[in-house]
N, C-alpha and C. Protein backbone atom coordinates (compact mmCIF):
# COMPACT_ATOMS: atom_id res chain seq x y z
N MET A 1 0.87 -1.09 -0.37
CA MET A 1 0.12 -0.32 0.09
C MET A 1 0.85 1.25 0.06
N LEU A 2 1.88 1.53 -0.82
CA LEU A 2 2.27 2.57 -1.07
C LEU A 2 3.22 2.65 -0.01
N GLY A 3 3.83 1.91 0.60
CA GLY A 3 4.59 2.33 1.89
C GLY A 3 3.88 2.64 3.45
N VAL A 4 2.64 3.24 3.03
CA VAL A 4 1.68 4.01 3.84
C VAL A 4 1.58 2.60 5.09
N ARG A 5 1.86 2.64 6.40
CA ARG A 5 1.66 1.91 7.43
C ARG A 5 0.11 2.85 8.07
N VAL A 6 -1.06 2.34 8.48
CA VAL A 6 -1.87 2.76 9.51
C VAL A 6 -2.20 1.93 10.19
N PRO A 7 -2.30 2.55 11.10
CA PRO A 7 -2.20 1.36 13.15
C PRO A 7 -3.36 1.75 12.99
N PRO A 8 -3.55 -0.10 13.63
CA PRO A 8 -5.00 -0.59 13.55
C PRO A 8 -5.46 -0.16 14.72
N ASP A 9 -5.26 0.54 15.84
CA ASP A 9 -5.67 0.59 16.64
C ASP A 9 -6.12 2.27 16.58
N LEU A 10 -6.06 2.98 15.64
CA LEU A 10 -7.15 4.27 15.60
C LEU A 10 -8.69 4.51 15.80
N PRO A 11 -9.11 5.15 16.51
CA PRO A 11 -9.83 5.37 17.06
C PRO A 11 -11.73 5.49 16.66
N PHE A 12 -11.15 6.53 15.35
CA PHE A 12 -12.30 6.68 14.66
C PHE A 12 -12.51 6.13 13.48
N LEU A 13 -11.07 4.80 12.86
CA LEU A 13 -11.26 4.22 12.20
C LEU A 13 -11.78 2.95 12.12
N ASN A 14 -12.43 2.02 11.58
CA ASN A 14 -12.37 0.89 11.69
C ASN A 14 -13.01 0.16 10.32
N PHE A 15 -11.44 -0.22 9.74
CA PHE A 15 -11.29 -0.97 8.54
C PHE A 15 -11.99 -2.26 8.14
N GLU A 16 -12.47 -3.16 9.52
CA GLU A 16 -12.82 -4.37 9.64
C GLU A 16 -14.60 -4.72 8.84
N ARG A 17 -15.15 -3.17 9.28
CA ARG A 17 -16.43 -2.97 9.22
C ARG A 17 -16.93 -2.41 8.20
N MET A 18 -15.55 -2.09 7.58
CA MET A 18 -16.02 -1.37 6.00
C MET A 18 -16.52 -2.07 5.00
N ALA A 19 -17.58 -1.37 4.90
CA ALA A 19 -18.58 -2.37 3.69
C ALA A 19 -19.54 -1.58 3.11
N LEU A 20 -19.95 -1.55 1.75
CA LEU A 20 -21.18 -1.34 0.50
C LEU A 20 -22.24 -1.62 0.81
N GLU A 21 -22.80 -2.18 2.00
CA GLU A 21 -24.06 -3.11 2.56
C GLU A 21 -25.46 -1.66 3.11
N VAL A 22 -26.29 -1.70 2.61
CA VAL A 22 -27.52 -1.24 3.13
C VAL A 22 -27.86 -1.98 4.48
N TYR A 23 -28.15 -0.96 5.48
CA TYR A 23 -27.91 -1.39 6.87
C TYR A 23 -29.32 -1.33 6.89
N LYS A 24 -30.07 -2.78 6.93
CA LYS A 24 -31.94 -3.04 7.45
C LYS A 24 -32.58 -3.15 5.83
N LYS A 25 -31.82 -3.14 4.51
CA LYS A 25 -32.04 -3.44 3.09
C LYS A 25 -33.41 -3.03 3.08
N ASN A 26 -34.34 -3.90 3.21
CA ASN A 26 -35.87 -3.77 2.77
C ASN A 26 -36.65 -3.26 4.37
N GLN A 27 -36.11 -2.68 5.54
CA GLN A 27 -37.18 -2.02 5.97
C GLN A 27 -37.04 -0.43 6.08
N GLY A 28 -38.26 0.58 5.93
CA GLY A 28 -37.99 2.06 5.98
C GLY A 28 -37.63 2.32 4.78
N VAL A 29 -38.14 1.81 3.36
CA VAL A 29 -37.46 2.28 2.27
C VAL A 29 -38.11 3.68 1.86
N TYR A 30 -39.54 3.59 2.31
CA TYR A 30 -40.27 4.83 1.54
C TYR A 30 -39.58 6.36 2.41
N ALA A 31 -39.16 5.90 3.96
CA ALA A 31 -39.19 7.02 4.40
C ALA A 31 -37.83 7.17 4.50
N ARG A 32 -36.72 6.33 3.89
CA ARG A 32 -35.49 6.81 3.53
C ARG A 32 -35.52 7.46 2.38
N VAL A 33 -36.45 7.28 1.74
CA VAL A 33 -36.26 7.42 -0.18
C VAL A 33 -36.95 9.20 -0.06
N PHE A 34 -37.84 9.41 0.64
CA PHE A 34 -38.50 10.85 1.22
C PHE A 34 -37.14 11.46 1.63
N LEU A 35 -36.86 10.96 2.70
CA LEU A 35 -35.33 12.20 3.36
C LEU A 35 -34.52 12.07 2.82
N ALA A 36 -33.75 11.24 1.91
CA ALA A 36 -32.82 11.85 0.89
C ALA A 36 -32.89 12.65 -0.28
N GLY A 37 -34.55 12.61 -0.82
CA GLY A 37 -34.68 13.34 -1.66
C GLY A 37 -34.96 15.22 -1.25
N GLY A 38 -36.03 14.97 0.07
CA GLY A 38 -35.46 16.27 0.92
C GLY A 38 -34.40 17.27 1.27
N LEU A 39 -33.64 16.46 1.29
CA LEU A 39 -32.11 16.87 1.80
C LEU A 39 -31.44 17.30 0.06
N GLY A 40 -31.68 16.21 -0.27
CA GLY A 40 -31.28 16.59 -1.68
C GLY A 40 -31.69 17.44 -2.66
N ALA A 41 -33.04 17.87 -2.12
CA ALA A 41 -33.22 19.14 -2.45
C ALA A 41 -32.51 20.74 -1.85
N LEU A 42 -32.25 19.91 -0.94
CA LEU A 42 -31.80 21.10 0.03
C LEU A 42 -30.40 21.35 -0.60
N SER A 43 -30.46 20.14 -0.56
CA SER A 43 -28.47 20.46 -0.79
C SER A 43 -28.45 20.70 -2.45
N PHE A 44 -29.58 20.79 -3.14
CA PHE A 44 -28.94 21.21 -4.31
C PHE A 44 -29.35 22.67 -4.19
N LEU A 45 -30.39 23.38 -3.43
CA LEU A 45 -30.52 25.12 -3.30
C LEU A 45 -29.52 25.60 -2.65
N ALA A 46 -28.97 24.93 -1.72
CA ALA A 46 -27.66 25.13 -0.69
C ALA A 46 -26.92 25.73 -1.85
N SER A 47 -26.49 25.03 -2.65
CA SER A 47 -24.91 24.85 -3.69
C SER A 47 -25.33 25.65 -4.74
N TYR A 48 -27.41 25.88 -5.08
CA TYR A 48 -27.19 27.10 -6.43
C TYR A 48 -27.18 28.36 -5.40
N THR A 49 -27.51 28.35 -3.59
CA THR A 49 -26.95 30.13 -3.00
C THR A 49 -25.24 29.89 -3.27
N ILE A 50 -24.55 29.06 -2.97
CA ILE A 50 -23.20 29.20 -2.71
C ILE A 50 -22.87 29.76 -3.84
N TYR A 51 -23.24 29.56 -5.38
CA TYR A 51 -22.77 29.11 -6.14
C TYR A 51 -23.33 31.12 -6.92
N GLY A 52 -24.44 31.45 -6.55
CA GLY A 52 -25.11 33.07 -6.58
C GLY A 52 -24.08 33.69 -5.80
N SER A 53 -23.23 33.29 -4.17
CA SER A 53 -22.79 34.13 -3.61
C SER A 53 -21.32 34.39 -4.02
N PHE A 54 -20.37 33.48 -4.99
CA PHE A 54 -19.47 33.58 -5.12
C PHE A 54 -19.36 33.16 -6.75
N ILE A 55 -20.20 34.47 -6.62
CA ILE A 55 -20.48 33.95 -8.24
C ILE A 55 -19.95 34.72 -9.46
N ASP A 56 -19.07 35.76 -8.34
CA ASP A 56 -17.93 36.86 -9.04
C ASP A 56 -16.52 36.92 -8.63
N LEU A 57 -16.30 35.65 -8.04
CA LEU A 57 -14.93 35.16 -7.69
C LEU A 57 -14.21 34.71 -9.38
N PRO A 58 -12.94 34.29 -9.49
CA PRO A 58 -12.64 34.36 -11.33
C PRO A 58 -12.49 33.22 -11.64
N GLU A 59 -12.14 32.71 -13.18
CA GLU A 59 -12.33 31.91 -13.71
C GLU A 59 -11.24 30.64 -13.34
N LEU A 60 -11.54 29.77 -13.35
CA LEU A 60 -10.10 28.45 -12.95
C LEU A 60 -9.27 28.61 -14.12
N TYR A 61 -9.68 29.43 -15.30
CA TYR A 61 -8.40 29.47 -16.30
C TYR A 61 -9.37 30.70 -16.97
N PRO A 62 -8.70 31.38 -18.09
CA PRO A 62 -9.33 32.36 -18.59
C PRO A 62 -9.76 31.62 -19.63
N GLY A 63 -11.10 31.99 -19.77
CA GLY A 63 -12.58 31.18 -20.96
C GLY A 63 -12.30 29.66 -20.60
N ALA A 64 -12.27 29.59 -19.33
CA ALA A 64 -13.14 28.21 -18.60
C ALA A 64 -14.32 28.62 -18.76
N GLU A 65 -14.98 26.73 -19.41
CA GLU A 65 -16.83 26.85 -19.23
C GLU A 65 -17.05 25.98 -19.12
N LEU A 66 -18.03 25.31 -18.76
CA LEU A 66 -18.44 23.78 -19.00
C LEU A 66 -19.49 23.69 -20.23
N PRO A 67 -18.93 22.62 -21.10
CA PRO A 67 -18.93 22.16 -22.77
C PRO A 67 -20.40 22.37 -22.77
N LEU A 68 -21.02 21.57 -22.01
CA LEU A 68 -22.46 21.08 -22.45
C LEU A 68 -23.46 22.32 -22.23
N VAL A 69 -23.45 23.65 -20.92
CA VAL A 69 -24.34 24.33 -20.34
C VAL A 69 -23.36 25.47 -20.62
N GLY A 70 -21.95 25.69 -21.41
CA GLY A 70 -22.15 27.19 -22.16
C GLY A 70 -21.82 27.99 -20.52
N ILE A 71 -21.68 27.68 -19.07
CA ILE A 71 -21.65 28.53 -18.05
C ILE A 71 -20.27 28.67 -17.99
N ARG A 72 -20.02 29.65 -17.46
CA ARG A 72 -18.02 30.29 -17.09
C ARG A 72 -18.14 29.14 -15.82
N LEU A 73 -17.02 28.52 -15.97
CA LEU A 73 -16.51 28.06 -14.77
C LEU A 73 -15.31 28.45 -13.78
N THR A 74 -16.00 29.16 -12.88
CA THR A 74 -15.55 29.83 -11.91
C THR A 74 -15.15 28.76 -10.40
N TRP A 75 -14.84 29.98 -9.59
CA TRP A 75 -14.13 29.11 -8.67
C TRP A 75 -15.54 28.42 -7.63
N GLY A 76 -16.30 29.75 -8.03
CA GLY A 76 -17.95 29.50 -7.51
C GLY A 76 -18.60 28.58 -7.52
N ALA A 77 -18.76 28.29 -8.93
CA ALA A 77 -19.27 27.25 -9.26
C ALA A 77 -18.21 25.77 -8.94
N LEU A 78 -17.06 25.86 -9.04
CA LEU A 78 -16.15 24.41 -8.05
C LEU A 78 -16.79 24.55 -6.67
N LEU A 79 -17.06 25.19 -6.14
CA LEU A 79 -17.11 25.40 -4.85
C LEU A 79 -19.05 24.86 -4.99
N ALA A 80 -19.02 25.40 -5.31
CA ALA A 80 -21.12 24.55 -5.55
C ALA A 80 -20.96 23.09 -5.78
N SER A 81 -20.07 22.88 -7.05
CA SER A 81 -20.18 21.85 -7.44
C SER A 81 -19.18 20.50 -6.56
N LEU A 82 -18.54 20.84 -5.80
CA LEU A 82 -17.91 20.29 -4.67
C LEU A 82 -19.04 20.29 -3.26
N PHE A 83 -19.85 20.90 -3.17
CA PHE A 83 -20.73 21.03 -2.08
C PHE A 83 -22.01 20.23 -2.22
N PHE A 84 -22.54 20.52 -3.60
CA PHE A 84 -23.33 19.61 -3.90
C PHE A 84 -22.91 17.56 -4.22
N VAL A 85 -21.51 17.25 -4.47
CA VAL A 85 -21.86 16.12 -4.26
C VAL A 85 -21.46 15.43 -2.92
N ILE A 86 -20.40 16.34 -2.12
CA ILE A 86 -20.06 15.86 -0.67
C ILE A 86 -21.39 15.77 -0.10
N SER A 87 -22.49 16.93 -0.19
CA SER A 87 -23.71 16.26 0.48
C SER A 87 -24.18 15.25 0.10
N GLY A 88 -24.30 14.97 -1.06
CA GLY A 88 -24.80 14.13 -1.74
C GLY A 88 -24.30 12.80 -0.86
N VAL A 89 -23.19 12.57 -1.33
CA VAL A 89 -22.35 11.49 -0.41
C VAL A 89 -22.83 10.97 0.75
N LEU A 90 -22.22 12.24 1.66
CA LEU A 90 -23.18 12.40 2.68
C LEU A 90 -24.47 11.99 3.44
N ILE A 91 -25.70 12.57 2.24
CA ILE A 91 -27.00 12.10 2.47
C ILE A 91 -27.09 10.66 1.69
N GLY A 92 -26.38 10.31 0.95
CA GLY A 92 -26.89 8.57 0.69
C GLY A 92 -26.31 7.73 1.93
N VAL A 93 -25.27 8.56 2.53
CA VAL A 93 -24.17 7.42 3.58
C VAL A 93 -25.22 7.13 4.63
N VAL A 94 -25.50 8.76 5.14
CA VAL A 94 -26.58 8.27 6.27
C VAL A 94 -28.25 7.97 5.87
N THR A 95 -28.52 7.71 4.74
CA THR A 95 -29.88 7.29 4.71
C THR A 95 -29.82 6.13 4.62
N THR A 96 -29.03 5.21 3.86
CA THR A 96 -29.07 3.69 3.57
C THR A 96 -27.90 3.19 4.80
N GLY A 97 -27.42 3.89 5.45
CA GLY A 97 -26.55 3.08 7.17
C GLY A 97 -25.64 2.58 6.35
N LEU A 98 -24.72 2.95 5.73
CA LEU A 98 -23.38 2.00 5.01
C LEU A 98 -22.63 2.42 5.68
N GLU A 99 -21.73 1.42 6.05
CA GLU A 99 -20.64 1.02 6.67
C GLU A 99 -19.40 2.03 6.04
N THR A 100 -18.81 2.88 6.38
CA THR A 100 -17.49 3.71 6.04
C THR A 100 -16.78 3.41 6.73
N GLY A 101 -16.33 2.77 7.78
CA GLY A 101 -15.28 2.98 8.27
C GLY A 101 -15.23 4.25 9.49
N LEU A 102 -15.73 5.05 9.02
CA LEU A 102 -15.68 6.04 10.41
C LEU A 102 -16.57 5.89 11.10
N VAL A 103 -16.05 5.63 12.88
CA VAL A 103 -16.76 4.93 13.78
C VAL A 103 -18.01 5.83 14.18
N SER A 104 -17.92 7.14 14.36
CA SER A 104 -18.98 8.05 14.42
C SER A 104 -19.89 8.02 13.85
N LEU A 105 -19.12 8.49 12.12
CA LEU A 105 -20.26 8.68 10.95
C LEU A 105 -21.50 7.32 10.96
N ASP A 106 -21.03 6.12 11.12
CA ASP A 106 -21.51 4.87 11.17
C ASP A 106 -22.43 4.65 12.08
N ALA A 107 -21.63 4.99 13.24
CA ALA A 107 -22.88 5.06 14.71
C ALA A 107 -24.55 5.86 13.99
N ASN A 108 -23.85 7.55 13.99
CA ASN A 108 -24.70 8.35 13.75
C ASN A 108 -26.10 7.96 12.79
N SER A 109 -25.58 6.84 11.55
CA SER A 109 -26.32 6.78 10.31
C SER A 109 -26.94 5.72 10.56
N LYS A 110 -26.51 4.44 11.22
CA LYS A 110 -27.54 3.26 12.50
C LYS A 110 -28.76 3.85 13.02
N LYS A 111 -28.55 5.41 13.52
CA LYS A 111 -29.39 5.92 14.60
C LYS A 111 -30.16 6.45 13.45
N THR A 112 -29.82 7.45 12.41
CA THR A 112 -31.30 7.62 11.88
C THR A 112 -31.78 6.64 10.91
N VAL A 113 -31.21 5.50 10.27
CA VAL A 113 -31.89 4.32 9.79
C VAL A 113 -32.66 3.74 10.90
N GLU A 114 -32.58 3.90 11.98
CA GLU A 114 -33.40 3.01 13.06
C GLU A 114 -34.36 4.09 12.94
N PHE A 115 -34.86 5.15 13.23
CA PHE A 115 -35.46 5.96 13.49
C PHE A 115 -36.53 6.26 12.35
N LEU A 116 -36.11 5.90 11.04
CA LEU A 116 -36.78 6.21 9.54
C LEU A 116 -37.47 4.78 9.41
N ILE A 117 -36.92 3.34 9.69
CA ILE A 117 -37.42 2.80 9.81
C ILE A 117 -38.58 2.31 11.13
N GLY A 118 -38.21 2.84 12.43
CA GLY A 118 -39.63 3.31 13.56
C GLY A 118 -40.57 4.05 12.78
N THR A 119 -40.12 5.53 12.07
CA THR A 119 -41.48 6.34 11.85
C THR A 119 -42.28 5.67 10.61
N GLN A 120 -41.56 4.88 9.89
CA GLN A 120 -42.49 4.22 8.57
C GLN A 120 -43.35 3.18 9.08
N ASP A 121 -43.05 2.26 10.40
CA ASP A 121 -43.68 1.28 10.82
C ASP A 121 -44.66 1.96 12.14
N GLU A 122 -44.81 3.27 12.46
CA GLU A 122 -45.77 4.02 13.18
C GLU A 122 -46.55 4.32 12.14
N LEU A 123 -46.18 4.72 11.39
CA LEU A 123 -46.63 5.72 9.94
C LEU A 123 -48.02 4.44 9.54
N GLN A 124 -47.41 3.29 9.50
CA GLN A 124 -48.50 2.58 8.72
C GLN A 124 -49.20 1.71 10.38
N LYS A 125 -49.03 1.82 11.10
CA LYS A 125 -50.06 1.74 12.04
C LYS A 125 -51.32 2.79 12.38
N VAL A 126 -51.33 3.91 11.64
CA VAL A 126 -52.31 4.92 11.67
C VAL A 126 -53.92 4.69 10.61
N SER A 127 -54.61 4.85 11.59
CA SER A 127 -55.90 4.22 10.48
C SER A 127 -56.10 5.81 10.05
N TRP A 128 -56.18 5.44 8.74
CA TRP A 128 -56.71 6.68 8.19
C TRP A 128 -57.66 6.62 7.87
N PRO A 129 -58.14 8.34 7.48
CA PRO A 129 -59.53 8.36 7.08
C PRO A 129 -59.85 7.86 5.70
N THR A 130 -61.25 7.44 5.21
CA THR A 130 -61.80 7.27 4.60
C THR A 130 -61.88 8.88 4.09
N ARG A 131 -62.37 8.35 2.32
CA ARG A 131 -63.16 9.44 1.97
C ARG A 131 -63.67 10.32 1.98
N GLN A 132 -65.16 9.54 2.32
CA GLN A 132 -66.09 9.82 2.41
C GLN A 132 -66.05 11.04 4.36
N GLU A 133 -65.22 10.23 5.24
CA GLU A 133 -64.58 10.75 6.79
C GLU A 133 -63.60 12.32 6.41
N LEU A 134 -63.06 12.04 5.46
CA LEU A 134 -62.36 13.20 5.02
C LEU A 134 -62.61 14.52 4.37
N THR A 135 -63.82 13.94 3.72
CA THR A 135 -64.87 15.34 3.17
C THR A 135 -65.68 16.04 4.13
N GLY A 136 -66.16 15.12 4.82
CA GLY A 136 -67.24 15.57 6.07
C GLY A 136 -66.57 16.54 7.12
N SER A 137 -64.99 16.25 7.26
CA SER A 137 -64.04 16.77 8.27
C SER A 137 -63.54 18.36 7.97
N THR A 138 -63.31 18.10 5.92
CA THR A 138 -62.81 19.24 5.28
C THR A 138 -64.37 20.29 5.36
N ALA A 139 -65.95 19.96 4.68
CA ALA A 139 -66.27 20.63 4.80
C ALA A 139 -66.21 21.73 6.22
N VAL A 140 -66.79 20.88 6.95
CA VAL A 140 -66.78 21.00 8.53
C VAL A 140 -65.97 22.56 8.99
N VAL A 141 -64.49 21.95 8.81
CA VAL A 141 -63.53 23.33 8.91
C VAL A 141 -63.83 24.51 7.87
N ILE A 142 -64.13 24.21 6.85
CA ILE A 142 -64.28 25.22 5.73
C ILE A 142 -65.59 26.10 6.45
N VAL A 143 -66.56 26.03 6.74
CA VAL A 143 -67.81 26.08 7.03
C VAL A 143 -67.81 27.25 8.08
N SER A 144 -66.84 26.33 9.39
CA SER A 144 -66.40 27.02 10.71
C SER A 144 -65.66 28.53 10.62
N LEU A 145 -64.35 27.76 9.66
CA LEU A 145 -63.78 29.09 9.35
C LEU A 145 -64.70 30.17 8.22
N VAL A 146 -65.34 30.03 7.65
CA VAL A 146 -66.27 31.13 7.10
C VAL A 146 -67.07 31.74 8.13
N ILE A 147 -67.73 31.05 9.01
CA ILE A 147 -68.50 31.56 10.03
C ILE A 147 -67.62 32.38 11.31
N LEU A 148 -66.65 31.71 11.76
CA LEU A 148 -66.03 32.95 12.47
C LEU A 148 -65.50 33.72 11.59
N GLY A 149 -64.76 33.64 10.63
CA GLY A 149 -64.75 35.29 9.31
C GLY A 149 -65.37 35.89 9.71
N ALA A 150 -66.54 35.35 9.51
CA ALA A 150 -67.75 36.89 9.16
C ALA A 150 -68.41 37.00 10.60
N TYR A 151 -68.04 36.14 11.97
CA TYR A 151 -68.09 37.08 13.22
C TYR A 151 -66.85 37.78 13.80
N ILE A 152 -65.62 37.85 13.28
CA ILE A 152 -64.19 38.59 13.44
C ILE A 152 -65.03 39.65 12.34
N PHE A 153 -65.38 40.04 11.44
CA PHE A 153 -65.93 40.89 10.70
C PHE A 153 -66.59 42.07 11.17
N GLY A 154 -68.16 40.76 11.23
CA GLY A 154 -68.88 41.72 12.29
C GLY A 154 -68.82 42.93 13.17
N VAL A 155 -67.83 42.03 14.10
CA VAL A 155 -67.33 42.68 15.20
C VAL A 155 -66.18 43.95 15.02
N ASP A 156 -65.38 43.42 14.19
CA ASP A 156 -64.71 44.45 14.12
C ASP A 156 -65.32 45.74 13.32
N TRP A 157 -65.91 45.37 11.98
CA TRP A 157 -67.09 46.52 12.11
C TRP A 157 -67.87 47.38 12.96
N VAL A 158 -68.51 46.84 14.05
CA VAL A 158 -69.03 47.60 14.77
C VAL A 158 -68.56 48.05 15.22
N ILE A 159 -67.17 48.15 16.27
CA ILE A 159 -66.40 48.45 16.54
C ILE A 159 -65.45 49.87 16.23
N THR A 160 -65.40 49.50 14.72
CA THR A 160 -65.07 50.87 14.10
C THR A 160 -65.95 51.68 14.02
N ARG A 161 -67.52 50.92 13.85
CA ARG A 161 -68.25 52.37 13.47
C ARG A 161 -68.40 53.38 14.84
N VAL A 162 -68.37 52.39 16.14
CA VAL A 162 -68.40 53.18 17.14
C VAL A 162 -67.30 54.04 17.80
N MET A 163 -66.33 53.64 17.08
CA MET A 163 -65.56 54.64 17.55
C MET A 163 -65.28 55.53 16.48
N ARG A 164 -65.55 55.90 15.26
CA ARG A 164 -65.73 56.70 14.61
C ARG A 164 -67.04 58.23 15.20
N PHE A 165 -67.85 57.20 15.40
CA PHE A 165 -69.22 57.46 15.85
C PHE A 165 -68.93 59.02 17.97
N ILE A 166 -67.99 58.28 18.05
CA ILE A 166 -67.51 58.87 19.08
C ILE A 166 -66.43 59.65 19.18
N GLY A 167 -66.09 59.76 17.87
CA GLY A 167 -64.91 60.77 17.49
C GLY A 167 -63.59 60.40 18.02
N PHE A 168 -63.74 59.14 18.40
CA PHE A 168 -62.19 58.51 18.29
C PHE A 168 -60.99 58.36 17.70
N MET A 169 -61.33 58.28 16.53
CA MET A 169 -61.09 57.17 15.35
C MET A 169 -61.18 58.54 13.89
């Protein structure tokens, strides 16, 4: 290995546990996918913000641009791309529970996966309303809001008229 010796007792690395296997593979799949998608969208928006913040940085070299899209290749674009790739890898590791050999990351990703599996299990136990119950409840809420809005409007109108009559407004 190029003459580099790695001490076997590093507290933060565990090369024996490094594996590219999904932790508890077929459990909590929907929760994992939705979390990864949401975090991926946030990562994309953060990358776009980074790109916008550093857009005035100079180009990597004169005339540098991305060939397919024609965007100038600046240091800001490079930073945004690196952030997006690194955060994407971390999101993938955390939501799948891959064994990376980094002890603290592996422990936290397993806790996250356990939480997501438990969340999906609890959501499957929920008694969801039927379409008829949902429609009836929605109608009750809308009618209640209209009545409450009309009441507040009426009280406000009366108070405003009284205040104008006594010359306070």
